Amino acid sequence: SFVGCTKHANEQQLQALEEQKNAALAAENTLEEKRREKSRLESELNQKRKELQDAKNELELVKQRLAE
């Protein structure tokens, strides 16, 4: 029997390619979700740092008033 080479992908190769495509899309979605989460957490961290600085300033003010 003659088995020839073909440039066309067989069903198994197409299925593997589709699975790889789906895995890549899922990875991209996960990456984007993690980037959004990172941005949200950085924003929250900055807010908490500001609150901490405000509290330190308030504490210094109270200390100064008590010293007078």
C-alpha atoms as a PDB file:
ATOM      1  CA  SER A   1       0.000   0.000   0.000  1.00  0.00           C
ATOM      2  CA  PHE A   2       1.091   3.504  -0.695  1.00  0.00           C
ATOM      3  CA  VAL A   3       1.193   6.032   2.153  1.00  0.00           C
ATOM      4  CA  GLY A   4       1.755   9.535   0.960  1.00  0.00           C
ATOM      5  CA  CYS A   5       2.769  12.630   2.814  1.00  0.00           C
ATOM      6  CA  THR A   6       0.138  15.274   3.132  1.00  0.00           C
ATOM      7  CA  LYS A   7       0.309  18.872   4.135  1.00  0.00           C
ATOM      8  CA  HIS A   8      -3.125  18.688   5.716  1.00  0.00           C
ATOM      9  CA  ALA A   9      -3.493  18.046   9.438  1.00  0.00           C
ATOM     10  CA  ASN A  10      -5.386  14.977  10.503  1.00  0.00           C
ATOM     11  CA  GLU A  11      -8.253  15.024  13.012  1.00  0.00           C
ATOM     12  CA  GLN A  12      -5.985  14.204  15.955  1.00  0.00           C
ATOM     13  CA  GLN A  13      -3.624  17.051  15.097  1.00  0.00           C
ATOM     14  CA  LEU A  14      -6.534  19.457  14.704  1.00  0.00           C
ATOM     15  CA  GLN A  15      -7.909  18.424  18.082  1.00  0.00           C
ATOM     16  CA  ALA A  16      -4.495  18.885  19.729  1.00  0.00           C
ATOM     17  CA  LEU A  17      -4.178  22.300  18.099  1.00  0.00           C
ATOM     18  CA  GLU A  18      -7.637  23.300  19.335  1.00  0.00           C
ATOM     19  CA  GLU A  19      -6.731  22.173  22.871  1.00  0.00           C
ATOM     20  CA  GLN A  20      -3.525  24.206  22.752  1.00  0.00           C
ATOM     21  CA  LYS A  21      -5.463  27.218  21.516  1.00  0.00           C
ATOM     22  CA  ASN A  22      -7.976  26.870  24.364  1.00  0.00           C
ATOM     23  CA  ALA A  23      -5.164  26.478  26.900  1.00  0.00           C
ATOM     24  CA  ALA A  24      -3.456  29.603  25.563  1.00  0.00           C
ATOM     25  CA  LEU A  25      -6.696  31.604  25.744  1.00  0.00           C
ATOM     26  CA  ALA A  26      -7.311  30.408  29.294  1.00  0.00           C
ATOM     27  CA  ALA A  27      -3.762  31.386  30.258  1.00  0.00           C
ATOM     28  CA  GLU A  28      -4.214  34.840  28.719  1.00  0.00           C
ATOM     29  CA  ASN A  29      -7.488  35.307  30.603  1.00  0.00           C
ATOM     30  CA  THR A  30      -5.854  34.238  33.846  1.00  0.00           C
ATOM     31  CA  LEU A  31      -2.961  36.614  33.232  1.00  0.00           C
ATOM     32  CA  GLU A  32      -5.319  39.526  32.606  1.00  0.00           C
ATOM     33  CA  GLU A  33      -7.299  38.662  35.735  1.00  0.00           C
ATOM     34  CA  LYS A  34      -4.092  38.568  37.798  1.00  0.00           C
ATOM     35  CA  ARG A  35      -3.001  41.922  36.365  1.00  0.00           C
ATOM     36  CA  ARG A  36      -6.321  43.475  37.374  1.00  0.00           C
ATOM     37  CA  GLU A  37      -6.008  41.950  40.836  1.00  0.00           C
ATOM     38  CA  LYS A  38      -2.446  43.267  41.162  1.00  0.00           C
ATOM     39  CA  SER A  39      -3.582  46.743  40.172  1.00  0.00           C
ATOM     40  CA  ARG A  40      -6.434  46.634  42.689  1.00  0.00           C
ATOM     41  CA  LEU A  41      -4.121  45.438  45.467  1.00  0.00           C
ATOM     42  CA  GLU A  42      -1.519  48.104  44.665  1.00  0.00           C
ATOM     43  CA  SER A  43      -4.234  50.746  44.848  1.00  0.00           C
ATOM     44  CA  GLU A  44      -5.426  49.346  48.173  1.00  0.00           C
ATOM     45  CA  LEU A  45      -1.848  49.293  49.476  1.00  0.00           C
ATOM     46  CA  ASN A  46      -1.336  52.933  48.491  1.00  0.00           C
ATOM     47  CA  GLN A  47      -4.566  53.870  50.260  1.00  0.00           C
ATOM     48  CA  LYS A  48      -3.458  52.034  53.421  1.00  0.00           C
ATOM     49  CA  ARG A  49      -0.055  53.747  53.288  1.00  0.00           C
ATOM     50  CA  LYS A  50      -1.804  57.108  53.075  1.00  0.00           C
ATOM     51  CA  GLU A  51      -4.012  56.208  56.044  1.00  0.00           C
ATOM     52  CA  LEU A  52      -0.931  55.160  58.010  1.00  0.00           C
ATOM     53  CA  GLN A  53       0.845  58.411  57.211  1.00  0.00           C
ATOM     54  CA  ASP A  54      -2.248  60.388  58.200  1.00  0.00           C
ATOM     55  CA  ALA A  55      -2.395  58.502  61.500  1.00  0.00           C
ATOM     56  CA  LYS A  56       1.303  59.182  62.143  1.00  0.00           C
ATOM     57  CA  ASN A  57       0.757  62.873  61.429  1.00  0.00           C
ATOM     58  CA  GLU A  58      -2.201  62.931  63.806  1.00  0.00           C
ATOM     59  CA  LEU A  59      -0.129  61.192  66.485  1.00  0.00           C
ATOM     60  CA  GLU A  60       2.647  63.754  66.127  1.00  0.00           C
ATOM     61  CA  LEU A  61       0.134  66.551  66.389  1.00  0.00           C
ATOM     62  CA  VAL A  62      -1.330  65.066  69.567  1.00  0.00           C
ATOM     63  CA  LYS A  63       2.167  64.620  71.048  1.00  0.00           C
ATOM     64  CA  GLN A  64       2.993  68.252  70.299  1.00  0.00           C
ATOM     65  CA  ARG A  65      -0.204  69.473  71.928  1.00  0.00           C
ATOM     66  CA  LEU A  66       0.434  67.340  75.016  1.00  0.00           C
ATOM     67  CA  ALA A  67       3.981  68.694  75.291  1.00  0.00           C
ATOM     68  CA  GLU A  68       2.721  72.291  75.380  1.00  0.00           C
END
